[in-house]
Amino acid sequence: MEILIVIAILSVISITAIYFYNPIVQIKKTRDTTRKNDLAMMKRALEDFYNDMGRYPKPIEICYDDGLEERIDGYGKPATICHICSKKMSTDYSSFKAIPSLNGKSICDPSSNSDTAADYLYDFDNADKPLNNSISWARIYTKFQYLEDRSITEVECKEGCGPKPFFPYNYGITTNNVDLERKNSQKCNQERLYQRTDIFCNLCRGDDGVMQCSLNKPVYQDINCTDYCQL
């Protein structure tokens, strides 16, 4: 009997160890940490660039492809996408030479290969096409491999984020004047709108129509902040 008890305890310990220290899971988490750090660094660099230049980077300054894929995003904004990986950039702009805060840094998705699908996606305002001299907002998307990462839920990308209709990403950052594009989005059709502040759900547009909602935070149509919508 004692031997059976010991065997049972060892089995539980082994299963627990495999669950928490599964090498494949740990690799995914490590890669996702790199992704999260890369996007945080690029978010700061984008705002620094805007403060200096009065616009966000053109595709040639931050991407390795031309950014000619034009679209209308879920908010009705004209947008263009291109892909980010410092190792694939042209010689003239390699390692983000045009972006002081990123100059010389190596930033690529850990799973980057010859295909663009694994690379970071730069989604930006193209209302000023083709010159792109007044890019007023930008987003950067990636796809986490560890799907239980709580950051996916925090940015509300559990069902998918990124360009419609496929919404292929599950994490992203934005500049300070735009929100992520989400699969579960719908247009706001209520007078009263709400946003979360810490743990509270607060009114940001009342019956008087005065808009106090932040453009870079999720907006909701209910007092519990569960019914997400797009402005």
C-alpha atoms as a PDB file:
ATOM      1  CA  MET A   1       0.000   0.000   0.000  1.00  0.00           C
ATOM      2  CA  GLU A   2       2.770   2.424   0.951  1.00  0.00           C
ATOM      3  CA  ILE A   3       4.487   1.741  -2.360  1.00  0.00           C
ATOM      4  CA  LEU A   4       1.285   2.555  -4.237  1.00  0.00           C
ATOM      5  CA  ILE A   5       0.936   5.829  -2.324  1.00  0.00           C
ATOM      6  CA  VAL A   6       4.527   6.796  -3.161  1.00  0.00           C
ATOM      7  CA  ILE A   7       3.963   5.924  -6.826  1.00  0.00           C
ATOM      8  CA  ALA A   8       0.788   8.025  -6.887  1.00  0.00           C
ATOM      9  CA  ILE A   9       2.579  11.015  -5.323  1.00  0.00           C
ATOM     10  CA  LEU A  10       5.460  10.730  -7.787  1.00  0.00           C
ATOM     11  CA  SER A  11       2.983  10.552 -10.668  1.00  0.00           C
ATOM     12  CA  VAL A  12       1.272  13.747  -9.517  1.00  0.00           C
ATOM     13  CA  ILE A  13       4.633  15.497  -9.148  1.00  0.00           C
ATOM     14  CA  SER A  14       5.693  14.338 -12.613  1.00  0.00           C
ATOM     15  CA  ILE A  15       2.470  15.517 -14.252  1.00  0.00           C
ATOM     16  CA  THR A  16       2.714  18.881 -12.467  1.00  0.00           C
ATOM     17  CA  ALA A  17       6.350  19.298 -13.536  1.00  0.00           C
ATOM     18  CA  ILE A  18       5.489  18.501 -17.158  1.00  0.00           C
ATOM     19  CA  TYR A  19       2.614  20.999 -17.078  1.00  0.00           C
ATOM     20  CA  PHE A  20       4.605  23.886 -15.625  1.00  0.00           C
ATOM     21  CA  TYR A  21       7.984  23.162 -17.199  1.00  0.00           C
ATOM     22  CA  ASN A  22       6.960  21.788 -20.572  1.00  0.00           C
ATOM     23  CA  PRO A  23       9.907  22.860 -22.774  1.00  0.00           C
ATOM     24  CA  ILE A  24       7.674  23.605 -25.773  1.00  0.00           C
ATOM     25  CA  VAL A  25       5.475  25.879 -23.672  1.00  0.00           C
ATOM     26  CA  GLN A  26       8.540  27.604 -22.224  1.00  0.00           C
ATOM     27  CA  ILE A  27       9.919  28.240 -25.718  1.00  0.00           C
ATOM     28  CA  LYS A  28       6.600  29.785 -26.763  1.00  0.00           C
ATOM     29  CA  LYS A  29       6.545  31.991 -23.662  1.00  0.00           C
ATOM     30  CA  THR A  30      10.130  33.125 -24.251  1.00  0.00           C
ATOM     31  CA  ARG A  31       9.360  34.059 -27.850  1.00  0.00           C
ATOM     32  CA  ASP A  32       6.219  35.906 -26.780  1.00  0.00           C
ATOM     33  CA  THR A  33       8.218  37.872 -24.207  1.00  0.00           C
ATOM     34  CA  THR A  34      10.529  38.969 -27.033  1.00  0.00           C
ATOM     35  CA  ARG A  35       7.509  39.982 -29.110  1.00  0.00           C
ATOM     36  CA  LYS A  36       6.026  41.956 -26.244  1.00  0.00           C
ATOM     37  CA  ASN A  37       9.318  43.746 -25.564  1.00  0.00           C
ATOM     38  CA  ASP A  38       9.853  44.509 -29.259  1.00  0.00           C
ATOM     39  CA  LEU A  39       6.402  46.070 -29.616  1.00  0.00           C
ATOM     40  CA  ALA A  40       6.795  48.092 -26.412  1.00  0.00           C
ATOM     41  CA  MET A  41      10.121  49.425 -27.728  1.00  0.00           C
ATOM     42  CA  MET A  42       8.587  50.281 -31.099  1.00  0.00           C
ATOM     43  CA  LYS A  43       5.630  52.044 -29.470  1.00  0.00           C
ATOM     44  CA  ARG A  44       8.008  54.371 -27.595  1.00  0.00           C
ATOM     45  CA  ALA A  45      10.061  54.888 -30.762  1.00  0.00           C
ATOM     46  CA  LEU A  46       6.963  55.770 -32.795  1.00  0.00           C
ATOM     47  CA  GLU A  47       5.926  58.473 -30.330  1.00  0.00           C
ATOM     48  CA  ASP A  48       9.491  59.857 -30.174  1.00  0.00           C
ATOM     49  CA  PHE A  49       9.552  59.954 -33.970  1.00  0.00           C
ATOM     50  CA  TYR A  50       6.206  61.741 -34.089  1.00  0.00           C
ATOM     51  CA  ASN A  51       7.371  64.337 -31.560  1.00  0.00           C
ATOM     52  CA  ASP A  52      10.399  65.088 -33.761  1.00  0.00           C
ATOM     53  CA  MET A  53       8.853  64.808 -37.234  1.00  0.00           C
ATOM     54  CA  GLY A  54       5.156  65.574 -36.754  1.00  0.00           C
ATOM     55  CA  ARG A  55       4.222  62.238 -38.352  1.00  0.00           C
ATOM     56  CA  TYR A  56       4.752  58.515 -37.906  1.00  0.00           C
ATOM     57  CA  PRO A  57       7.301  56.566 -40.018  1.00  0.00           C
ATOM     58  CA  LYS A  58       6.748  55.915 -43.701  1.00  0.00           C
ATOM     59  CA  PRO A  59       6.840  52.255 -44.790  1.00  0.00           C
ATOM     60  CA  ILE A  60      10.313  52.644 -46.295  1.00  0.00           C
ATOM     61  CA  GLU A  61      11.600  53.876 -42.908  1.00  0.00           C
ATOM     62  CA  ILE A  62      10.291  50.989 -40.803  1.00  0.00           C
ATOM     63  CA  CYS A  63       9.312  48.127 -43.173  1.00  0.00           C
ATOM     64  CA  TYR A  64      11.161  45.942 -45.652  1.00  0.00           C
ATOM     65  CA  ASP A  65       8.317  45.823 -48.184  1.00  0.00           C
ATOM     66  CA  ASP A  66       6.587  48.650 -50.012  1.00  0.00           C
ATOM     67  CA  GLY A  67       3.314  48.993 -48.132  1.00  0.00           C
ATOM     68  CA  LEU A  68       1.132  49.107 -51.219  1.00  0.00           C
ATOM     69  CA  GLU A  69      -1.691  46.990 -49.798  1.00  0.00           C
ATOM     70  CA  GLU A  70      -4.376  49.617 -49.270  1.00  0.00           C
ATOM     71  CA  ARG A  71      -7.629  49.032 -47.406  1.00  0.00           C
ATOM     72  CA  ILE A  72     -10.376  50.594 -45.291  1.00  0.00           C
ATOM     73  CA  ASP A  73     -10.133  49.469 -41.690  1.00  0.00           C
ATOM     74  CA  GLY A  74     -12.973  48.565 -39.331  1.00  0.00           C
ATOM     75  CA  TYR A  75     -13.275  52.190 -38.226  1.00  0.00           C
ATOM     76  CA  GLY A  76     -13.690  53.455 -41.786  1.00  0.00           C
ATOM     77  CA  LYS A  77     -10.129  54.830 -41.905  1.00  0.00           C
ATOM     78  CA  PRO A  78      -7.997  54.520 -45.079  1.00  0.00           C
ATOM     79  CA  ALA A  79      -5.026  52.345 -44.153  1.00  0.00           C
ATOM     80  CA  THR A  80      -2.002  50.547 -45.580  1.00  0.00           C
ATOM     81  CA  ILE A  81       0.020  47.631 -44.230  1.00  0.00           C
ATOM     82  CA  CYS A  82       3.644  46.520 -44.525  1.00  0.00           C
ATOM     83  CA  HIS A  83       5.962  44.198 -42.602  1.00  0.00           C
ATOM     84  CA  ILE A  84       8.744  44.834 -40.082  1.00  0.00           C
ATOM     85  CA  CYS A  85      12.012  42.908 -39.723  1.00  0.00           C
ATOM     86  CA  SER A  86      15.333  44.762 -39.480  1.00  0.00           C
ATOM     87  CA  LYS A  87      17.260  41.907 -41.120  1.00  0.00           C
ATOM     88  CA  LYS A  88      15.188  42.223 -44.303  1.00  0.00           C
ATOM     89  CA  MET A  89      15.340  46.015 -44.747  1.00  0.00           C
ATOM     90  CA  SER A  90      17.005  47.670 -47.714  1.00  0.00           C
ATOM     91  CA  THR A  91      20.595  48.865 -47.331  1.00  0.00           C
ATOM     92  CA  ASP A  92      19.642  52.546 -47.249  1.00  0.00           C
ATOM     93  CA  TYR A  93      17.321  52.045 -44.280  1.00  0.00           C
ATOM     94  CA  SER A  94      18.765  48.901 -42.666  1.00  0.00           C
ATOM     95  CA  SER A  95      18.433  48.592 -38.883  1.00  0.00           C
ATOM     96  CA  PHE A  96      16.006  51.543 -38.803  1.00  0.00           C
ATOM     97  CA  LYS A  97      18.530  54.245 -39.728  1.00  0.00           C
ATOM     98  CA  ALA A  98      15.718  56.780 -40.179  1.00  0.00           C
ATOM     99  CA  ILE A  99      14.276  56.188 -36.685  1.00  0.00           C
ATOM    100  CA  PRO A 100      16.709  57.468 -34.034  1.00  0.00           C
ATOM    101  CA  SER A 101      15.218  55.502 -31.106  1.00  0.00           C
ATOM    102  CA  LEU A 102      15.568  52.237 -33.045  1.00  0.00           C
ATOM    103  CA  ASN A 103      18.735  52.950 -35.037  1.00  0.00           C
ATOM    104  CA  GLY A 104      21.054  49.954 -34.985  1.00  0.00           C
ATOM    105  CA  LYS A 105      18.631  47.653 -33.191  1.00  0.00           C
ATOM    106  CA  SER A 106      17.757  44.194 -34.423  1.00  0.00           C
ATOM    107  CA  ILE A 107      13.991  43.754 -34.296  1.00  0.00           C
ATOM    108  CA  CYS A 108      12.356  40.762 -35.948  1.00  0.00           C
ATOM    109  CA  ASP A 109       9.703  38.313 -34.879  1.00  0.00           C
ATOM    110  CA  PRO A 110      11.468  35.286 -33.315  1.00  0.00           C
ATOM    111  CA  SER A 111       9.730  33.040 -35.862  1.00  0.00           C
ATOM    112  CA  SER A 112      10.611  35.229 -38.853  1.00  0.00           C
ATOM    113  CA  ASN A 113      11.482  33.349 -42.036  1.00  0.00           C
ATOM    114  CA  SER A 114      11.281  33.933 -45.784  1.00  0.00           C
ATOM    115  CA  ASP A 115       7.505  34.386 -45.548  1.00  0.00           C
ATOM    116  CA  THR A 116       5.911  37.675 -44.425  1.00  0.00           C
ATOM    117  CA  ALA A 117       3.202  35.948 -42.366  1.00  0.00           C
ATOM    118  CA  ALA A 118       5.393  35.570 -39.278  1.00  0.00           C
ATOM    119  CA  ASP A 119       6.709  39.146 -39.265  1.00  0.00           C
ATOM    120  CA  TYR A 120       5.393  42.128 -37.320  1.00  0.00           C
ATOM    121  CA  LEU A 121       2.696  44.031 -39.204  1.00  0.00           C
ATOM    122  CA  TYR A 122       2.782  47.835 -39.473  1.00  0.00           C
ATOM    123  CA  ASP A 123      -0.725  49.191 -40.129  1.00  0.00           C
ATOM    124  CA  PHE A 124      -0.825  52.934 -40.758  1.00  0.00           C
ATOM    125  CA  ASP A 125      -2.829  55.926 -41.949  1.00  0.00           C
ATOM    126  CA  ASN A 126      -2.630  56.456 -45.713  1.00  0.00           C
ATOM    127  CA  ALA A 127      -5.021  59.390 -46.081  1.00  0.00           C
ATOM    128  CA  ASP A 128      -2.039  61.303 -47.512  1.00  0.00           C
ATOM    129  CA  LYS A 129      -1.131  58.696 -50.127  1.00  0.00           C
ATOM    130  CA  PRO A 130       1.122  58.371 -52.028  1.00  0.00           C
ATOM    131  CA  LEU A 131       3.456  60.830 -50.246  1.00  0.00           C
ATOM    132  CA  ASN A 132       2.724  59.657 -46.680  1.00  0.00           C
ATOM    133  CA  ASN A 133       4.047  62.942 -45.325  1.00  0.00           C
ATOM    134  CA  SER A 134       1.375  63.226 -42.657  1.00  0.00           C
ATOM    135  CA  ILE A 135       0.865  59.745 -41.238  1.00  0.00           C
ATOM    136  CA  SER A 136      -1.278  60.511 -38.195  1.00  0.00           C
ATOM    137  CA  TRP A 137      -1.696  57.075 -36.581  1.00  0.00           C
ATOM    138  CA  ALA A 138      -0.211  53.585 -36.628  1.00  0.00           C
ATOM    139  CA  ARG A 139      -0.638  50.109 -35.209  1.00  0.00           C
ATOM    140  CA  ILE A 140       1.787  47.180 -34.930  1.00  0.00           C
ATOM    141  CA  TYR A 141       0.510  43.607 -34.643  1.00  0.00           C
ATOM    142  CA  THR A 142       2.017  40.237 -33.783  1.00  0.00           C
ATOM    143  CA  LYS A 143       0.817  36.737 -32.985  1.00  0.00           C
ATOM    144  CA  PHE A 144       1.624  35.161 -29.622  1.00  0.00           C
ATOM    145  CA  GLN A 145       2.247  31.417 -29.630  1.00  0.00           C
ATOM    146  CA  TYR A 146       1.232  30.809 -26.014  1.00  0.00           C
ATOM    147  CA  LEU A 147      -2.490  31.408 -26.333  1.00  0.00           C
ATOM    148  CA  GLU A 148      -3.094  31.597 -22.574  1.00  0.00           C
ATOM    149  CA  ASP A 149      -0.968  34.734 -22.186  1.00  0.00           C
ATOM    150  CA  ARG A 150      -3.165  37.175 -20.272  1.00  0.00           C
ATOM    151  CA  SER A 151      -1.948  40.073 -22.422  1.00  0.00           C
ATOM    152  CA  ILE A 152      -4.096  38.693 -25.249  1.00  0.00           C
ATOM    153  CA  THR A 153      -7.175  39.168 -23.092  1.00  0.00           C
ATOM    154  CA  GLU A 154      -6.006  42.554 -21.813  1.00  0.00           C
ATOM    155  CA  VAL A 155      -5.899  43.979 -25.358  1.00  0.00           C
ATOM    156  CA  GLU A 156      -9.164  42.168 -26.171  1.00  0.00           C
ATOM    157  CA  CYS A 157      -7.711  40.138 -29.019  1.00  0.00           C
ATOM    158  CA  LYS A 158      -8.826  36.684 -27.889  1.00  0.00           C
ATOM    159  CA  GLU A 159     -11.046  36.348 -30.956  1.00  0.00           C
ATOM    160  CA  GLY A 160      -8.506  37.984 -33.259  1.00  0.00           C
ATOM    161  CA  CYS A 161      -7.110  41.405 -34.109  1.00  0.00           C
ATOM    162  CA  GLY A 162      -5.607  43.067 -37.148  1.00  0.00           C
ATOM    163  CA  PRO A 163      -6.813  43.759 -40.675  1.00  0.00           C
ATOM    164  CA  LYS A 164     -10.253  42.461 -41.573  1.00  0.00           C
ATOM    165  CA  PRO A 165     -11.637  40.073 -42.727  1.00  0.00           C
ATOM    166  CA  PHE A 166      -9.240  37.513 -41.224  1.00  0.00           C
ATOM    167  CA  PHE A 167      -7.994  39.297 -38.057  1.00  0.00           C
ATOM    168  CA  PRO A 168      -4.935  36.984 -37.959  1.00  0.00           C
ATOM    169  CA  TYR A 169      -3.148  38.462 -34.921  1.00  0.00           C
ATOM    170  CA  ASN A 170      -3.774  38.296 -31.180  1.00  0.00           C
ATOM    171  CA  TYR A 171      -1.658  41.135 -29.774  1.00  0.00           C
ATOM    172  CA  GLY A 172      -0.757  44.653 -30.807  1.00  0.00           C
ATOM    173  CA  ILE A 173       0.127  48.190 -29.835  1.00  0.00           C
ATOM    174  CA  THR A 174      -1.132  51.509 -31.191  1.00  0.00           C
ATOM    175  CA  THR A 175      -0.122  55.121 -31.251  1.00  0.00           C
ATOM    176  CA  ASN A 176      -1.910  57.397 -28.815  1.00  0.00           C
ATOM    177  CA  ASN A 177      -4.791  58.364 -31.102  1.00  0.00           C
ATOM    178  CA  VAL A 178      -6.193  55.095 -32.474  1.00  0.00           C
ATOM    179  CA  ASP A 179      -7.397  51.711 -31.236  1.00  0.00           C
ATOM    180  CA  LEU A 180      -6.673  48.160 -32.352  1.00  0.00           C
ATOM    181  CA  GLU A 181      -8.912  46.628 -34.975  1.00  0.00           C
ATOM    182  CA  ARG A 182     -10.739  43.650 -33.465  1.00  0.00           C
ATOM    183  CA  LYS A 183     -12.792  40.790 -34.853  1.00  0.00           C
ATOM    184  CA  ASN A 184     -15.495  41.236 -32.221  1.00  0.00           C
ATOM    185  CA  SER A 185     -15.949  44.892 -33.104  1.00  0.00           C
ATOM    186  CA  GLN A 186     -19.199  46.620 -33.951  1.00  0.00           C
ATOM    187  CA  LYS A 187     -20.049  50.236 -34.608  1.00  0.00           C
ATOM    188  CA  CYS A 188     -21.201  52.226 -31.572  1.00  0.00           C
ATOM    189  CA  ASN A 189     -24.917  52.938 -31.952  1.00  0.00           C
ATOM    190  CA  GLN A 190     -25.773  54.151 -28.440  1.00  0.00           C
ATOM    191  CA  GLU A 191     -25.690  57.722 -27.130  1.00  0.00           C
ATOM    192  CA  ARG A 192     -24.002  56.708 -23.889  1.00  0.00           C
ATOM    193  CA  LEU A 193     -20.536  55.207 -24.155  1.00  0.00           C
ATOM    194  CA  TYR A 194     -18.181  53.899 -21.482  1.00  0.00           C
ATOM    195  CA  GLN A 195     -14.496  53.114 -20.921  1.00  0.00           C
ATOM    196  CA  ARG A 196     -12.577  51.302 -18.221  1.00  0.00           C
ATOM    197  CA  THR A 197     -10.424  53.290 -15.797  1.00  0.00           C
ATOM    198  CA  ASP A 198      -8.471  50.879 -13.636  1.00  0.00           C
ATOM    199  CA  ILE A 199     -11.197  48.584 -12.287  1.00  0.00           C
ATOM    200  CA  PHE A 200     -14.123  50.940 -12.953  1.00  0.00           C
ATOM    201  CA  CYS A 201     -16.351  51.393 -15.994  1.00  0.00           C
ATOM    202  CA  ASN A 202     -16.937  55.119 -16.482  1.00  0.00           C
ATOM    203  CA  LEU A 203     -19.159  57.195 -18.757  1.00  0.00           C
ATOM    204  CA  CYS A 204     -17.133  58.897 -21.497  1.00  0.00           C
ATOM    205  CA  ARG A 205     -19.991  60.173 -23.674  1.00  0.00           C
ATOM    206  CA  GLY A 206     -23.329  61.136 -22.188  1.00  0.00           C
ATOM    207  CA  ASP A 207     -26.753  62.049 -23.522  1.00  0.00           C
ATOM    208  CA  ASP A 208     -25.418  65.522 -24.356  1.00  0.00           C
ATOM    209  CA  GLY A 209     -23.097  63.970 -26.970  1.00  0.00           C
ATOM    210  CA  VAL A 210     -19.932  65.506 -25.470  1.00  0.00           C
ATOM    211  CA  MET A 211     -17.097  63.129 -26.384  1.00  0.00           C
ATOM    212  CA  GLN A 212     -14.549  62.376 -23.664  1.00  0.00           C
ATOM    213  CA  CYS A 213     -13.678  58.880 -24.847  1.00  0.00           C
ATOM    214  CA  SER A 214      -9.992  58.156 -25.476  1.00  0.00           C
ATOM    215  CA  LEU A 215      -9.340  56.970 -29.042  1.00  0.00           C
ATOM    216  CA  ASN A 216      -6.671  54.497 -27.958  1.00  0.00           C
ATOM    217  CA  LYS A 217      -8.779  52.616 -25.410  1.00  0.00           C
ATOM    218  CA  PRO A 218     -11.685  50.193 -25.946  1.00  0.00           C
ATOM    219  CA  VAL A 219     -15.167  51.766 -25.906  1.00  0.00           C
ATOM    220  CA  TYR A 220     -18.303  50.029 -24.612  1.00  0.00           C
ATOM    221  CA  GLN A 221     -22.045  50.556 -24.919  1.00  0.00           C
ATOM    222  CA  ASP A 222     -23.012  49.255 -21.480  1.00  0.00           C
ATOM    223  CA  ILE A 223     -22.341  50.325 -17.901  1.00  0.00           C
ATOM    224  CA  ASN A 224     -20.477  47.053 -17.177  1.00  0.00           C
ATOM    225  CA  CYS A 225     -17.973  47.555 -20.021  1.00  0.00           C
ATOM    226  CA  THR A 226     -18.745  44.246 -21.727  1.00  0.00           C
ATOM    227  CA  ASP A 227     -20.403  45.328 -25.008  1.00  0.00           C
ATOM    228  CA  TYR A 228     -17.441  46.554 -27.076  1.00  0.00           C
ATOM    229  CA  CYS A 229     -17.988  48.817 -30.070  1.00  0.00           C
ATOM    230  CA  GLN A 230     -16.017  50.946 -32.554  1.00  0.00           C
ATOM    231  CA  LEU A 231     -16.423  54.703 -32.753  1.00  0.00           C
END
